[in-house]
PDB file of N, CA and C in Angstrom:
ATOM      1  N   UNK A   1      13.452 -17.710 -12.775  1.00  0.00           N
ATOM      2  CA  UNK A   1      13.888 -16.380 -13.102  1.00  0.00           C
ATOM      3  C   UNK A   1      14.825 -15.860 -11.879  1.00  0.00           C
ATOM      4  N   UNK A   2      15.934 -15.280 -12.311  1.00  0.00           N
ATOM      5  CA  UNK A   2      16.943 -14.803 -11.299  1.00  0.00           C
ATOM      6  C   UNK A   2      16.415 -13.579 -10.605  1.00  0.00           C
ATOM      7  N   UNK A   3      17.058 -13.199  -9.522  1.00  0.00           N
ATOM      8  CA  UNK A   3      16.785 -11.980  -8.882  1.00  0.00           C
ATOM      9  C   UNK A   3      17.025 -10.818  -9.891  1.00  0.00           C
ATOM     10  N   UNK A   4      18.177 -10.852 -10.617  1.00  0.00           N
ATOM     11  CA  UNK A   4      18.490  -9.772 -11.454  1.00  0.00           C
ATOM     12  C   UNK A   4      17.395  -9.553 -12.614  1.00  0.00           C
ATOM     13  N   UNK A   5      16.857 -10.686 -13.053  1.00  0.00           N
ATOM     14  CA  UNK A   5      15.814 -10.704 -14.151  1.00  0.00           C
ATOM     15  C   UNK A   5      14.532  -9.996 -13.455  1.00  0.00           C
ATOM     16  N   UNK A   6      14.168 -10.535 -12.265  1.00  0.00           N
ATOM     17  CA  UNK A   6      13.117  -9.901 -11.683  1.00  0.00           C
ATOM     18  C   UNK A   6      13.210  -8.317 -11.401  1.00  0.00           C
ATOM     19  N   UNK A   7      14.397  -8.001 -11.054  1.00  0.00           N
ATOM     20  CA  UNK A   7      14.559  -6.631 -10.668  1.00  0.00           C
ATOM     21  C   UNK A   7      14.705  -5.681 -11.941  1.00  0.00           C
ATOM     22  N   UNK A   8      14.909  -6.358 -13.241  1.00  0.00           N
ATOM     23  CA  UNK A   8      14.811  -5.687 -14.407  1.00  0.00           C
ATOM     24  C   UNK A   8      13.511  -5.615 -15.162  1.00  0.00           C
ATOM     25  N   UNK A   9      12.482  -6.134 -14.473  1.00  0.00           N
ATOM     26  CA  UNK A   9      11.099  -6.196 -15.033  1.00  0.00           C
ATOM     27  C   UNK A   9      10.532  -4.753 -15.101  1.00  0.00           C
ATOM     28  N   UNK A  10       9.766  -4.445 -16.044  1.00  0.00           N
ATOM     29  CA  UNK A  10       9.097  -3.011 -16.060  1.00  0.00           C
ATOM     30  C   UNK A  10       7.991  -2.951 -14.907  1.00  0.00           C
ATOM     31  N   UNK A  11       7.427  -1.822 -14.726  1.00  0.00           N
ATOM     32  CA  UNK A  11       6.496  -1.576 -13.701  1.00  0.00           C
ATOM     33  C   UNK A  11       5.326  -2.661 -13.641  1.00  0.00           C
ATOM     34  N   UNK A  12       4.847  -3.158 -14.799  1.00  0.00           N
ATOM     35  CA  UNK A  12       3.773  -4.107 -14.877  1.00  0.00           C
ATOM     36  C   UNK A  12       4.252  -5.168 -15.868  1.00  0.00           C
ATOM     37  N   UNK A  13       3.837  -6.447 -15.672  1.00  0.00           N
ATOM     38  CA  UNK A  13       4.122  -7.462 -16.574  1.00  0.00           C
ATOM     39  C   UNK A  13       2.845  -8.351 -17.005  1.00  0.00           C
ATOM     40  N   UNK A  14       2.935  -8.963 -18.029  1.00  0.00           N
ATOM     41  CA  UNK A  14       1.855  -9.890 -18.431  1.00  0.00           C
ATOM     42  C   UNK A  14       1.729 -11.064 -17.648  1.00  0.00           C
ATOM     43  N   UNK A  15       0.631 -11.811 -17.706  1.00  0.00           N
ATOM     44  CA  UNK A  15       0.418 -13.024 -16.873  1.00  0.00           C
ATOM     45  C   UNK A  15       1.589 -13.996 -17.150  1.00  0.00           C
ATOM     46  N   UNK A  16       1.924 -14.144 -18.390  1.00  0.00           N
ATOM     47  CA  UNK A  16       2.905 -15.211 -18.775  1.00  0.00           C
ATOM     48  C   UNK A  16       4.270 -15.049 -18.027  1.00  0.00           C
ATOM     49  N   UNK A  17       4.680 -13.722 -17.975  1.00  0.00           N
ATOM     50  CA  UNK A  17       5.885 -13.351 -17.308  1.00  0.00           C
ATOM     51  C   UNK A  17       5.759 -13.564 -15.682  1.00  0.00           C
ATOM     52  N   UNK A  18       4.593 -13.141 -15.183  1.00  0.00           N
ATOM     53  CA  UNK A  18       4.352 -13.357 -13.730  1.00  0.00           C
ATOM     54  C   UNK A  18       4.342 -14.929 -13.338  1.00  0.00           C
ATOM     55  N   UNK A  19       3.783 -15.686 -14.212  1.00  0.00           N
ATOM     56  CA  UNK A  19       3.677 -17.121 -14.011  1.00  0.00           C
ATOM     57  C   UNK A  19       5.032 -17.561 -14.060  1.00  0.00           C
ATOM     58  N   UNK A  20       5.772 -17.232 -14.948  1.00  0.00           N
ATOM     59  CA  UNK A  20       7.234 -17.706 -14.982  1.00  0.00           C
ATOM     60  C   UNK A  20       7.940 -17.418 -13.830  1.00  0.00           C
ATOM     61  N   UNK A  21       7.787 -16.143 -13.240  1.00  0.00           N
ATOM     62  CA  UNK A  21       8.449 -15.724 -12.097  1.00  0.00           C
ATOM     63  C   UNK A  21       8.057 -16.618 -10.926  1.00  0.00           C
ATOM     64  N   UNK A  22       6.851 -16.999 -10.864  1.00  0.00           N
ATOM     65  CA  UNK A  22       6.288 -17.801  -9.641  1.00  0.00           C
ATOM     66  C   UNK A  22       6.451 -19.395  -9.961  1.00  0.00           C
ATOM     67  N   UNK A  23       6.922 -19.558 -11.149  1.00  0.00           N
ATOM     68  CA  UNK A  23       7.208 -21.021 -11.312  1.00  0.00           C
ATOM     69  C   UNK A  23       6.083 -21.836 -11.670  1.00  0.00           C
ATOM     70  N   UNK A  24       5.045 -21.269 -12.212  1.00  0.00           N
ATOM     71  CA  UNK A  24       3.829 -21.999 -12.630  1.00  0.00           C
ATOM     72  C   UNK A  24       3.539 -21.815 -14.047  1.00  0.00           C
ATOM     73  N   UNK A  25       2.635 -22.602 -14.697  1.00  0.00           N
ATOM     74  CA  UNK A  25       2.429 -22.450 -16.019  1.00  0.00           C
ATOM     75  C   UNK A  25       1.435 -21.229 -16.369  1.00  0.00           C
ATOM     76  N   UNK A  26       1.230 -20.852 -17.527  1.00  0.00           N
ATOM     77  CA  UNK A  26       0.395 -19.714 -17.919  1.00  0.00           C
ATOM     78  C   UNK A  26      -1.033 -20.106 -17.670  1.00  0.00           C
ATOM     79  N   UNK A  27      -1.459 -21.373 -18.039  1.00  0.00           N
ATOM     80  CA  UNK A  27      -2.683 -21.888 -17.914  1.00  0.00           C
ATOM     81  C   UNK A  27      -3.211 -21.927 -16.483  1.00  0.00           C
ATOM     82  N   UNK A  28      -2.280 -22.361 -15.613  1.00  0.00           N
ATOM     83  CA  UNK A  28      -2.506 -22.554 -14.219  1.00  0.00           C
ATOM     84  C   UNK A  28      -2.771 -20.998 -13.738  1.00  0.00           C
ATOM     85  N   UNK A  29      -1.925 -20.078 -14.182  1.00  0.00           N
ATOM     86  CA  UNK A  29      -2.034 -18.721 -13.635  1.00  0.00           C
ATOM     87  C   UNK A  29      -3.388 -18.046 -13.930  1.00  0.00           C
ATOM     88  N   UNK A  30      -3.782 -18.307 -15.204  1.00  0.00           N
ATOM     89  CA  UNK A  30      -5.090 -17.724 -15.728  1.00  0.00           C
ATOM     90  C   UNK A  30      -6.192 -18.420 -14.850  1.00  0.00           C
ATOM     91  N   UNK A  31      -6.148 -19.738 -14.694  1.00  0.00           N
ATOM     92  CA  UNK A  31      -7.170 -20.418 -13.842  1.00  0.00           C
ATOM     93  C   UNK A  31      -7.188 -19.842 -12.523  1.00  0.00           C
ATOM     94  N   UNK A  32      -6.080 -19.622 -11.858  1.00  0.00           N
ATOM     95  CA  UNK A  32      -6.192 -19.005 -10.528  1.00  0.00           C
ATOM     96  C   UNK A  32      -6.628 -17.700 -10.428  1.00  0.00           C
ATOM     97  N   UNK A  33      -6.378 -16.795 -11.524  1.00  0.00           N
ATOM     98  CA  UNK A  33      -6.859 -15.521 -11.763  1.00  0.00           C
ATOM     99  C   UNK A  33      -8.416 -15.516 -11.723  1.00  0.00           C
ATOM    100  N   UNK A  34      -8.947 -16.414 -12.626  1.00  0.00           N
ATOM    101  CA  UNK A  34     -10.313 -16.492 -12.726  1.00  0.00           C
ATOM    102  C   UNK A  34     -11.061 -17.004 -11.453  1.00  0.00           C
ATOM    103  N   UNK A  35     -10.396 -17.780 -10.578  1.00  0.00           N
ATOM    104  CA  UNK A  35     -11.015 -18.171  -9.227  1.00  0.00           C
ATOM    105  C   UNK A  35     -10.780 -17.184  -8.326  1.00  0.00           C
ATOM    106  N   UNK A  36      -9.947 -16.215  -8.515  1.00  0.00           N
ATOM    107  CA  UNK A  36      -9.502 -15.160  -7.575  1.00  0.00           C
ATOM    108  C   UNK A  36      -8.649 -15.663  -6.478  1.00  0.00           C
ATOM    109  N   UNK A  37      -7.792 -16.636  -6.957  1.00  0.00           N
ATOM    110  CA  UNK A  37      -6.770 -17.265  -6.088  1.00  0.00           C
ATOM    111  C   UNK A  37      -5.307 -16.989  -6.384  1.00  0.00           C
ATOM    112  N   UNK A  38      -5.097 -16.060  -7.388  1.00  0.00           N
ATOM    113  CA  UNK A  38      -3.891 -15.806  -7.874  1.00  0.00           C
ATOM    114  C   UNK A  38      -3.106 -14.978  -6.677  1.00  0.00           C
ATOM    115  N   UNK A  39      -1.761 -15.471  -6.444  1.00  0.00           N
ATOM    116  CA  UNK A  39      -1.190 -14.950  -5.087  1.00  0.00           C
ATOM    117  C   UNK A  39      -0.709 -13.524  -5.302  1.00  0.00           C
ATOM    118  N   UNK A  40      -0.885 -12.840  -6.407  1.00  0.00           N
ATOM    119  CA  UNK A  40      -0.486 -11.478  -6.630  1.00  0.00           C
ATOM    120  C   UNK A  40      -1.649 -10.739  -7.059  1.00  0.00           C
ATOM    121  N   UNK A  41      -1.695  -9.410  -6.677  1.00  0.00           N
ATOM    122  CA  UNK A  41      -2.728  -8.539  -7.377  1.00  0.00           C
ATOM    123  C   UNK A  41      -2.694  -8.376  -8.711  1.00  0.00           C
ATOM    124  N   UNK A  42      -3.717  -8.439  -9.401  1.00  0.00           N
ATOM    125  CA  UNK A  42      -3.741  -8.289 -10.913  1.00  0.00           C
ATOM    126  C   UNK A  42      -4.603  -7.029 -11.113  1.00  0.00           C
ATOM    127  N   UNK A  43      -4.280  -6.551 -12.381  1.00  0.00           N
ATOM    128  CA  UNK A  43      -4.964  -5.346 -12.870  1.00  0.00           C
ATOM    129  C   UNK A  43      -5.674  -5.549 -14.202  1.00  0.00           C
ATOM    130  N   UNK A  44      -7.050  -5.959 -14.105  1.00  0.00           N
ATOM    131  CA  UNK A  44      -7.796  -6.201 -15.449  1.00  0.00           C
ATOM    132  C   UNK A  44      -7.876  -4.851 -16.181  1.00  0.00           C
ATOM    133  N   UNK A  45      -7.422  -4.835 -17.487  1.00  0.00           N
ATOM    134  CA  UNK A  45      -7.570  -3.786 -18.269  1.00  0.00           C
ATOM    135  C   UNK A  45      -8.285  -4.228 -19.555  1.00  0.00           C
ATOM    136  N   UNK A  46      -9.591  -4.203 -19.607  1.00  0.00           N
ATOM    137  CA  UNK A  46     -10.356  -4.734 -20.797  1.00  0.00           C
ATOM    138  C   UNK A  46     -10.041  -6.176 -20.901  1.00  0.00           C
ATOM    139  N   UNK A  47      -9.619  -6.629 -21.944  1.00  0.00           N
ATOM    140  CA  UNK A  47      -9.458  -8.216 -22.116  1.00  0.00           C
ATOM    141  C   UNK A  47      -8.021  -8.550 -21.831  1.00  0.00           C
ATOM    142  N   UNK A  48      -7.188  -7.602 -21.262  1.00  0.00           N
ATOM    143  CA  UNK A  48      -5.835  -7.772 -20.838  1.00  0.00           C
ATOM    144  C   UNK A  48      -5.720  -7.789 -19.359  1.00  0.00           C
ATOM    145  N   UNK A  49      -4.758  -8.694 -18.791  1.00  0.00           N
ATOM    146  CA  UNK A  49      -4.535  -8.610 -17.371  1.00  0.00           C
ATOM    147  C   UNK A  49      -3.137  -8.324 -17.132  1.00  0.00           C
ATOM    148  N   UNK A  50      -2.826  -7.315 -16.434  1.00  0.00           N
ATOM    149  CA  UNK A  50      -1.521  -6.958 -16.053  1.00  0.00           C
ATOM    150  C   UNK A  50      -1.097  -7.282 -14.522  1.00  0.00           C
ATOM    151  N   UNK A  51       0.097  -7.524 -14.279  1.00  0.00           N
ATOM    152  CA  UNK A  51       0.467  -7.787 -12.808  1.00  0.00           C
ATOM    153  C   UNK A  51       1.565  -6.747 -12.407  1.00  0.00           C
ATOM    154  N   UNK A  52       1.289  -5.993 -11.397  1.00  0.00           N
ATOM    155  CA  UNK A  52       2.268  -5.081 -10.847  1.00  0.00           C
ATOM    156  C   UNK A  52       3.563  -5.736 -10.407  1.00  0.00           C
ATOM    157  N   UNK A  53       4.639  -5.264 -10.928  1.00  0.00           N
ATOM    158  CA  UNK A  53       5.852  -5.910 -10.521  1.00  0.00           C
ATOM    159  C   UNK A  53       6.206  -5.873  -9.048  1.00  0.00           C
ATOM    160  N   UNK A  54       5.896  -4.667  -8.474  1.00  0.00           N
ATOM    161  CA  UNK A  54       6.286  -4.310  -7.108  1.00  0.00           C
ATOM    162  C   UNK A  54       5.463  -5.490  -6.254  1.00  0.00           C
ATOM    163  N   UNK A  55       4.218  -5.831  -6.591  1.00  0.00           N
ATOM    164  CA  UNK A  55       3.401  -6.830  -5.845  1.00  0.00           C
ATOM    165  C   UNK A  55       4.065  -8.260  -6.149  1.00  0.00           C
ATOM    166  N   UNK A  56       4.554  -8.476  -7.323  1.00  0.00           N
ATOM    167  CA  UNK A  56       5.163  -9.802  -7.486  1.00  0.00           C
ATOM    168  C   UNK A  56       6.444  -9.901  -6.761  1.00  0.00           C
ATOM    169  N   UNK A  57       7.153  -8.841  -6.663  1.00  0.00           N
ATOM    170  CA  UNK A  57       8.423  -8.712  -5.864  1.00  0.00           C
ATOM    171  C   UNK A  57       8.102  -9.117  -4.324  1.00  0.00           C
ATOM    172  N   UNK A  58       6.959  -8.521  -3.827  1.00  0.00           N
ATOM    173  CA  UNK A  58       6.566  -8.800  -2.431  1.00  0.00           C
ATOM    174  C   UNK A  58       6.288 -10.151  -2.135  1.00  0.00           C
ATOM    175  N   UNK A  59       5.541 -10.774  -3.030  1.00  0.00           N
ATOM    176  CA  UNK A  59       5.133 -12.276  -2.882  1.00  0.00           C
ATOM    177  C   UNK A  59       6.362 -13.173  -2.901  1.00  0.00           C
ATOM    178  N   UNK A  60       7.309 -12.736  -3.755  1.00  0.00           N
ATOM    179  CA  UNK A  60       8.604 -13.551  -3.962  1.00  0.00           C
ATOM    180  C   UNK A  60       9.659 -13.165  -2.866  1.00  0.00           C
ATOM    181  N   UNK A  61       9.454 -12.129  -2.062  1.00  0.00           N
ATOM    182  CA  UNK A  61      10.428 -11.707  -1.021  1.00  0.00           C
ATOM    183  C   UNK A  61      11.641 -10.961  -1.687  1.00  0.00           C
ATOM    184  N   UNK A  62      11.383 -10.503  -2.788  1.00  0.00           N
ATOM    185  CA  UNK A  62      12.570  -9.588  -3.447  1.00  0.00           C
ATOM    186  C   UNK A  62      12.426  -8.259  -3.073  1.00  0.00           C
ATOM    187  N   UNK A  63      13.618  -7.700  -2.635  1.00  0.00           N
ATOM    188  CA  UNK A  63      13.602  -6.170  -2.358  1.00  0.00           C
ATOM    189  C   UNK A  63      14.474  -5.523  -3.252  1.00  0.00           C
ATOM    190  N   UNK A  64      14.048  -4.434  -3.784  1.00  0.00           N
ATOM    191  CA  UNK A  64      14.913  -3.785  -4.888  1.00  0.00           C
ATOM    192  C   UNK A  64      16.031  -3.029  -4.120  1.00  0.00           C
ATOM    193  N   UNK A  65      17.232  -2.840  -4.686  1.00  0.00           N
ATOM    194  CA  UNK A  65      18.338  -2.280  -4.127  1.00  0.00           C
ATOM    195  C   UNK A  65      17.993  -0.727  -3.774  1.00  0.00           C
ATOM    196  N   UNK A  66      18.619  -0.202  -2.896  1.00  0.00           N
ATOM    197  CA  UNK A  66      18.284   1.217  -2.553  1.00  0.00           C
ATOM    198  C   UNK A  66      19.114   2.183  -3.283  1.00  0.00           C
TER     199      UNK A  66
END
């Protein structure tokens, strides 16, 4: 995922999008979330898990333009 694609993400993304940004597979991402080892904060919302984009940016070292 390019920097421009990362900066265009909405405030939260699904696990598939976060995994793509991190360069890992969706199955691996869910496995890490289940173990509590996912490198980004997650927001469990019932049966759905969302990932805050700002937290994803921090882990990837992306800073939004001012």
